[in-house]
Amino acid sequence: MKKSAGILLYKKEKEQIMVLLAHFGGPYWENKDQEAAIEANIPFIFASYGFGNVTTYDYKIESLSDLLKM
């Protein structure tokens, strides 16, 4: 079985649960994480402080604390 690490953040507002799944993949996932998000039809959040560079994204963050502002 392959193993991977990630962070699952969630918050509940009224009767709705909002979920953010983050995968910090390093150089292996450079440009592949965006493709995976598109294929899964989920928003792609670009962490500008990470590996690689992308030109299109749904959201861009400069630090983890930016996630709290979304």
Protein backbone atom coordinates (compact mmCIF):
# COMPACT_ATOMS: atom_id res chain seq x y z
CA MET A 1 0.00 0.00 0.00
CA LYS A 2 1.31 3.45 -0.89
CA LYS A 3 1.34 6.00 1.92
CA SER A 4 1.20 9.74 1.72
CA ALA A 5 0.85 12.67 4.09
CA GLY A 6 -1.60 15.50 4.02
CA ILE A 7 -3.64 17.85 6.14
CA LEU A 8 -7.41 17.84 6.28
CA LEU A 9 -8.87 21.08 7.61
CA TYR A 10 -12.57 21.59 8.09
CA LYS A 11 -15.07 23.97 9.58
CA LYS A 12 -18.79 23.71 10.12
CA GLU A 13 -21.08 26.66 9.45
CA LYS A 14 -24.73 26.10 10.21
CA GLU A 15 -25.53 22.85 8.42
CA GLN A 16 -22.64 22.96 5.95
CA ILE A 17 -19.21 21.38 6.39
CA MET A 18 -16.36 22.95 4.42
CA VAL A 19 -13.26 20.83 3.85
CA LEU A 20 -9.75 21.72 2.69
CA LEU A 21 -7.40 18.88 1.85
CA ALA A 22 -3.75 19.89 1.55
CA HIS A 23 -0.94 17.76 0.20
CA PHE A 24 2.59 19.06 0.59
CA GLY A 25 4.38 16.99 -2.01
CA GLY A 26 7.70 18.66 -2.74
CA PRO A 27 9.47 18.50 -6.09
CA TYR A 28 7.78 15.25 -7.18
CA TRP A 29 4.40 16.97 -7.30
CA GLU A 30 5.68 20.06 -9.11
CA ASN A 31 2.96 20.91 -11.66
CA LYS A 32 1.23 17.57 -11.02
CA ASP A 33 -0.85 18.80 -8.09
CA GLN A 34 -2.54 21.39 -10.31
CA GLU A 35 -3.37 18.74 -12.89
CA ALA A 36 -4.80 16.50 -10.16
CA ALA A 37 -6.99 19.32 -8.83
CA ILE A 38 -8.34 20.05 -12.30
CA GLU A 39 -9.04 16.37 -12.93
CA ALA A 40 -10.84 16.07 -9.57
CA ASN A 41 -12.80 19.28 -10.28
CA ILE A 42 -11.65 20.98 -7.07
CA PRO A 43 -10.17 24.48 -6.66
CA PHE A 44 -6.39 24.69 -6.93
CA ILE A 45 -4.68 26.78 -4.25
CA PHE A 46 -1.18 27.87 -5.21
CA ALA A 47 1.24 28.24 -2.29
CA SER A 48 3.72 30.79 -3.61
CA TYR A 49 6.31 29.80 -1.00
CA GLY A 50 6.47 26.18 -2.21
CA PHE A 51 8.15 24.38 -5.07
CA GLY A 52 7.54 25.35 -8.67
CA ASN A 53 5.56 28.12 -10.25
CA VAL A 54 2.19 28.12 -11.98
CA THR A 55 0.40 30.70 -14.08
CA THR A 56 -3.20 29.68 -13.45
CA TYR A 57 -4.80 28.93 -10.10
CA ASP A 58 -8.08 29.45 -8.27
CA TYR A 59 -6.48 30.93 -5.17
CA LYS A 60 -2.97 32.03 -4.21
CA ILE A 61 -1.60 32.11 -0.68
CA GLU A 62 1.60 33.66 0.64
CA SER A 63 1.51 31.80 3.98
CA LEU A 64 -0.57 29.17 5.76
CA SER A 65 -2.36 31.90 7.70
CA ASP A 66 -3.85 33.08 4.38
CA LEU A 67 -6.03 29.97 4.44
CA LEU A 68 -7.92 31.41 7.40
CA LYS A 69 -8.88 34.43 5.30
CA MET A 70 -10.55 32.33 2.60
